[in-house]
C-alpha atoms as a PDB file:
ATOM      1  CA  MET A   1     140.479 154.898 158.287  1.00  0.00           C
ATOM      2  CA  ALA A   2     140.865 158.802 158.425  1.00  0.00           C
ATOM      3  CA  THR A   3     144.517 158.334 159.546  1.00  0.00           C
ATOM      4  CA  VAL A   4     145.703 155.572 156.726  1.00  0.00           C
ATOM      5  CA  ARG A   5     147.329 156.867 153.991  1.00  0.00           C
ATOM      6  CA  PRO A   6     148.148 154.952 150.655  1.00  0.00           C
ATOM      7  CA  LEU A   7     151.881 153.504 149.948  1.00  0.00           C
ATOM      8  CA  ARG A   8     151.402 154.865 146.498  1.00  0.00           C
ATOM      9  CA  ALA A   9     149.297 157.168 144.738  1.00  0.00           C
ATOM     10  CA  VAL A  10     147.351 154.976 142.189  1.00  0.00           C
ATOM     11  CA  ALA A  11     144.924 156.717 139.555  1.00  0.00           C
ATOM     12  CA  PRO A  12     141.502 155.032 139.881  1.00  0.00           C
ATOM     13  CA  ALA A  13     140.688 153.073 136.562  1.00  0.00           C
ATOM     14  CA  ALA A  14     138.453 154.746 134.384  1.00  0.00           C
ATOM     15  CA  VAL A  15     134.928 153.356 134.551  1.00  0.00           C
ATOM     16  CA  PRO A  16     132.826 153.276 131.405  1.00  0.00           C
ATOM     17  CA  LYS A  17     129.372 155.158 131.899  1.00  0.00           C
ATOM     18  CA  PRO A  18     126.547 152.528 131.297  1.00  0.00           C
ATOM     19  CA  ALA A  19     124.478 153.024 128.292  1.00  0.00           C
ATOM     20  CA  PRO A  20     121.401 154.841 128.967  1.00  0.00           C
ATOM     21  CA  VAL A  21     118.526 152.500 128.995  1.00  0.00           C
ATOM     22  CA  VAL A  22     115.595 153.262 126.587  1.00  0.00           C
ATOM     23  CA  GLU A  23     112.417 151.686 127.590  1.00  0.00           C
ATOM     24  CA  PRO A  24     109.945 151.304 124.745  1.00  0.00           C
ATOM     25  CA  PRO A  25     106.645 153.389 124.860  1.00  0.00           C
ATOM     26  CA  ARG A  26     103.797 151.847 126.773  1.00  0.00           C
ATOM     27  CA  ARG A  27     100.573 151.685 125.311  1.00  0.00           C
ATOM     28  CA  PRO A  28      97.818 153.012 127.460  1.00  0.00           C
ATOM     29  CA  VAL A  29      95.821 150.302 129.187  1.00  0.00           C
ATOM     30  CA  GLY A  30      92.433 149.657 127.931  1.00  0.00           C
ATOM     31  CA  ARG A  31      93.074 150.807 124.309  1.00  0.00           C
ATOM     32  CA  LEU A  32      93.255 148.734 121.291  1.00  0.00           C
ATOM     33  CA  PRO A  33      96.108 148.767 118.989  1.00  0.00           C
ATOM     34  CA  THR A  34      95.473 151.201 115.993  1.00  0.00           C
ATOM     35  CA  ARG A  35      96.723 148.973 113.319  1.00  0.00           C
ATOM     36  CA  PRO A  36      94.362 148.040 110.484  1.00  0.00           C
ATOM     37  CA  LEU A  37      92.411 144.816 110.506  1.00  0.00           C
ATOM     38  CA  PRO A  38      93.295 142.163 107.849  1.00  0.00           C
ATOM     39  CA  ALA A  39      90.948 142.005 105.084  1.00  0.00           C
ATOM     40  CA  PRO A  40      88.564 139.103 105.519  1.00  0.00           C
ATOM     41  CA  LYS A  41      89.251 135.842 103.681  1.00  0.00           C
ATOM     42  CA  LYS A  42      87.085 135.064 100.824  1.00  0.00           C
ATOM     43  CA  ALA A  43      85.184 131.486 100.965  1.00  0.00           C
ATOM     44  CA  ALA A  44      87.304 130.261  98.104  1.00  0.00           C
ATOM     45  CA  ASP A  45      90.362 130.838  99.726  1.00  0.00           C
ATOM     46  CA  LEU A  46      89.438 128.904 102.985  1.00  0.00           C
ATOM     47  CA  PRO A  47      90.408 125.205 102.956  1.00  0.00           C
ATOM     48  CA  LYS A  48      87.342 122.880 102.781  1.00  0.00           C
ATOM     49  CA  ARG A  49      88.772 120.595 105.212  1.00  0.00           C
ATOM     50  CA  PRO A  50      91.402 120.629 108.189  1.00  0.00           C
ATOM     51  CA  LEU A  51      94.801 120.102 107.051  1.00  0.00           C
ATOM     52  CA  PRO A  52      96.228 116.651 107.645  1.00  0.00           C
ATOM     53  CA  GLY A  53      97.718 115.682 110.903  1.00  0.00           C
ATOM     54  CA  ILE A  54      95.507 117.578 113.317  1.00  0.00           C
ATOM     55  CA  THR A  55      92.283 115.653 113.608  1.00  0.00           C
ATOM     56  CA  LEU A  56      92.897 112.556 115.561  1.00  0.00           C
ATOM     57  CA  ASP A  57      91.365 112.080 118.749  1.00  0.00           C
ATOM     58  CA  ALA A  58      93.405 110.728 121.882  1.00  0.00           C
ATOM     59  CA  GLY A  59      92.019 107.316 121.361  1.00  0.00           C
ATOM     60  CA  TRP A  60      93.508 106.835 117.810  1.00  0.00           C
ATOM     61  CA  ASP A  61      96.781 108.518 118.828  1.00  0.00           C
ATOM     62  CA  LYS A  62      97.172 105.859 121.697  1.00  0.00           C
ATOM     63  CA  LYS A  63      96.358 102.945 119.450  1.00  0.00           C
ATOM     64  CA  LEU A  64      98.673 103.939 116.897  1.00  0.00           C
ATOM     65  CA  ALA A  65     101.506 105.015 119.439  1.00  0.00           C
ATOM     66  CA  ARG A  66     101.011 101.374 120.881  1.00  0.00           C
ATOM     67  CA  GLY A  67     100.856  99.406 117.567  1.00  0.00           C
ATOM     68  CA  LEU A  68      97.483  98.421 118.249  1.00  0.00           C
ATOM     69  CA  VAL A  69      96.084  99.247 114.882  1.00  0.00           C
ATOM     70  CA  THR A  70      96.359  96.636 112.177  1.00  0.00           C
ATOM     71  CA  PRO A  71      96.788  98.665 108.749  1.00  0.00           C
ATOM     72  CA  ASP A  72      94.335  97.837 106.073  1.00  0.00           C
ATOM     73  CA  ALA A  73      96.930  98.415 103.152  1.00  0.00           C
ATOM     74  CA  THR A  74     100.629  98.550 102.899  1.00  0.00           C
ATOM     75  CA  ILE A  75     102.795 100.604 100.490  1.00  0.00           C
ATOM     76  CA  ASP A  76     106.062  99.783 100.224  1.00  0.00           C
ATOM     77  CA  LEU A  77     108.420 102.351  98.373  1.00  0.00           C
ATOM     78  CA  HIS A  78     111.628 100.600  98.917  1.00  0.00           C
ATOM     79  CA  GLY A  79     113.800 100.487  95.527  1.00  0.00           C
ATOM     80  CA  HIS A  80     111.746 103.158  93.680  1.00  0.00           C
ATOM     81  CA  THR A  81     112.985 106.417  92.279  1.00  0.00           C
ATOM     82  CA  LEU A  82     111.167 109.803  93.455  1.00  0.00           C
ATOM     83  CA  HIS A  83     109.082 109.669  90.208  1.00  0.00           C
ATOM     84  CA  SER A  84     107.949 106.057  90.669  1.00  0.00           C
ATOM     85  CA  ALA A  85     107.374 106.116  94.130  1.00  0.00           C
ATOM     86  CA  HIS A  86     105.173 109.284  93.747  1.00  0.00           C
ATOM     87  CA  ASP A  87     103.160 107.318  91.012  1.00  0.00           C
ATOM     88  CA  LEU A  88     102.639 104.459  93.247  1.00  0.00           C
ATOM     89  CA  LEU A  89     101.554 106.573  96.339  1.00  0.00           C
ATOM     90  CA  ASP A  90      99.168 108.305  94.098  1.00  0.00           C
ATOM     91  CA  GLY A  91      97.725 105.228  92.670  1.00  0.00           C
ATOM     92  CA  ALA A  92      97.556 103.229  95.953  1.00  0.00           C
ATOM     93  CA  LEU A  93      95.869 106.124  97.798  1.00  0.00           C
ATOM     94  CA  ALA A  94      93.097 106.169  95.123  1.00  0.00           C
ATOM     95  CA  ARG A  95      92.499 102.423  95.533  1.00  0.00           C
ATOM     96  CA  SER A  96      92.671 102.693  99.462  1.00  0.00           C
ATOM     97  CA  VAL A  97      90.050 105.687  99.356  1.00  0.00           C
ATOM     98  CA  ALA A  98      87.846 103.906  97.001  1.00  0.00           C
ATOM     99  CA  ARG A  99      87.992 100.679  98.905  1.00  0.00           C
ATOM    100  CA  GLY A 100      87.067 102.677 102.098  1.00  0.00           C
ATOM    101  CA  ASP A 101      90.393 101.775 103.978  1.00  0.00           C
ATOM    102  CA  ARG A 102      90.942 103.547 107.331  1.00  0.00           C
ATOM    103  CA  VAL A 103      94.780 102.961 108.039  1.00  0.00           C
ATOM    104  CA  ILE A 104      97.632 102.665 105.424  1.00  0.00           C
ATOM    105  CA  LEU A 105     100.941 101.428 106.315  1.00  0.00           C
ATOM    106  CA  LEU A 106     103.637 103.426 104.375  1.00  0.00           C
ATOM    107  CA  VAL A 107     107.012 101.967 104.417  1.00  0.00           C
ATOM    108  CA  THR A 108     109.565 104.400 103.086  1.00  0.00           C
ATOM    109  CA  GLY A 109     112.929 103.189 104.692  1.00  0.00           C
ATOM    110  CA  LYS A 110     114.638 104.648 107.509  1.00  0.00           C
ATOM    111  CA  PRO A 111     116.275 108.040 107.214  1.00  0.00           C
ATOM    112  CA  PRO A 112     120.164 108.399 107.186  1.00  0.00           C
ATOM    113  CA  ARG A 113     121.800 108.062 110.643  1.00  0.00           C
ATOM    114  CA  PRO A 114     122.928 111.431 111.865  1.00  0.00           C
ATOM    115  CA  GLU A 115     126.436 110.285 112.733  1.00  0.00           C
ATOM    116  CA  SER A 116     127.078 109.320 109.175  1.00  0.00           C
ATOM    117  CA  GLU A 117     129.724 111.484 107.533  1.00  0.00           C
ATOM    118  CA  ARG A 118     129.513 110.701 103.918  1.00  0.00           C
ATOM    119  CA  PRO A 119     126.947 112.606 101.793  1.00  0.00           C
ATOM    120  CA  HIS A 120     124.558 110.450 100.095  1.00  0.00           C
ATOM    121  CA  ALA A 121     121.099 110.331  98.881  1.00  0.00           C
ATOM    122  CA  ARG A 122     119.259 108.257 101.269  1.00  0.00           C
ATOM    123  CA  GLY A 123     116.159 109.250 102.586  1.00  0.00           C
ATOM    124  CA  ALA A 124     114.893 111.278  99.748  1.00  0.00           C
ATOM    125  CA  ILE A 125     111.531 109.477  99.341  1.00  0.00           C
ATOM    126  CA  ARG A 126     110.951 110.079 103.093  1.00  0.00           C
ATOM    127  CA  ALA A 127     111.762 113.716 102.858  1.00  0.00           C
ATOM    128  CA  ALA A 128     109.525 114.329 100.194  1.00  0.00           C
ATOM    129  CA  ILE A 129     106.288 112.487 101.565  1.00  0.00           C
ATOM    130  CA  GLY A 130     105.163 115.072 103.768  1.00  0.00           C
ATOM    131  CA  ASP A 131     104.784 117.533 100.500  1.00  0.00           C
ATOM    132  CA  TRP A 132     103.448 114.658  98.506  1.00  0.00           C
ATOM    133  CA  LEU A 133     100.742 113.994 101.013  1.00  0.00           C
ATOM    134  CA  ALA A 134      99.812 117.798 101.435  1.00  0.00           C
ATOM    135  CA  GLY A 135      99.670 118.390  97.590  1.00  0.00           C
ATOM    136  CA  SER A 136      97.872 115.135  96.632  1.00  0.00           C
ATOM    137  CA  ARG A 137      94.366 115.208  95.203  1.00  0.00           C
ATOM    138  CA  HIS A 138      93.696 112.798  98.284  1.00  0.00           C
ATOM    139  CA  ALA A 139      94.834 115.322 100.712  1.00  0.00           C
ATOM    140  CA  GLY A 140      91.273 115.970 101.708  1.00  0.00           C
ATOM    141  CA  SER A 141      90.704 112.178 102.491  1.00  0.00           C
ATOM    142  CA  ILE A 142      93.978 112.086 104.878  1.00  0.00           C
ATOM    143  CA  ALA A 143      92.817 112.714 108.453  1.00  0.00           C
ATOM    144  CA  ALA A 144      96.483 112.283 109.955  1.00  0.00           C
ATOM    145  CA  VAL A 145     100.193 111.162 109.230  1.00  0.00           C
ATOM    146  CA  ARG A 146     101.728 109.414 112.205  1.00  0.00           C
ATOM    147  CA  GLY A 147     104.951 107.522 112.786  1.00  0.00           C
ATOM    148  CA  ALA A 148     104.625 103.694 112.694  1.00  0.00           C
ATOM    149  CA  HIS A 149     105.167 101.577 115.835  1.00  0.00           C
ATOM    150  CA  PRO A 150     108.222  99.578 115.803  1.00  0.00           C
ATOM    151  CA  ARG A 151     106.261  96.304 114.766  1.00  0.00           C
ATOM    152  CA  HIS A 152     105.314  98.034 111.558  1.00  0.00           C
ATOM    153  CA  GLY A 153     108.707  99.239 110.672  1.00  0.00           C
ATOM    154  CA  GLY A 154     109.318 102.272 113.325  1.00  0.00           C
ATOM    155  CA  GLN A 155     111.208 104.952 111.956  1.00  0.00           C
ATOM    156  CA  GLY A 156     111.114 103.407 108.454  1.00  0.00           C
ATOM    157  CA  ALA A 157     107.384 103.660 108.073  1.00  0.00           C
ATOM    158  CA  LEU A 158     104.360 105.849 108.567  1.00  0.00           C
ATOM    159  CA  TYR A 159     100.716 105.386 109.269  1.00  0.00           C
ATOM    160  CA  ILE A 160      98.427 107.287 107.047  1.00  0.00           C
ATOM    161  CA  VAL A 161      95.073 107.575 108.501  1.00  0.00           C
ATOM    162  CA  LEU A 162      91.902 108.403 106.087  1.00  0.00           C
ATOM    163  CA  ARG A 163      88.893 109.938 106.810  1.00  0.00           C
ATOM    164  CA  ARG A 164      85.662 108.067 107.254  1.00  0.00           C
ATOM    165  CA  LEU A 165      83.605 108.009 104.039  1.00  0.00           C
ATOM    166  CA  ARG A 166      80.426 109.900 104.537  1.00  0.00           C
ATOM    167  CA  GLY A 167      77.314 107.980 103.041  1.00  0.00           C
END
């Protein structure tokens, strides 16, 4: 290599310097962060019951997923406006809670297909159901909301599982 000479003298290409790596400061091990603790919540601010959707055990989820549960009541919201569907849902939930029903089949209609190109208002009731149930006067009576089995409507329906009445 010592005896080899290049044919032409070529200037080496300028190589940009890498930016210096700045490491974040490390916290000493064994010390707690020094930020202030949040103020404790008042008892009035805490929900009285768990939020809907998180209280079913695995047995209930398996039964619902396999379609082995027979709904005690059915609410069909086809052909309704948002206002009339909300009123119908509220009244039907009140009747079901009073009767002590456990599972309600709520038929909302299938959501619009993702491949549909034209703008349309399909699926407005389906999109509003979660907010309606969470803000309902019956929200404390709802244990969970799950998608329905294909024999009960599949994507176009939901199961509303109500809490057991404590007597």
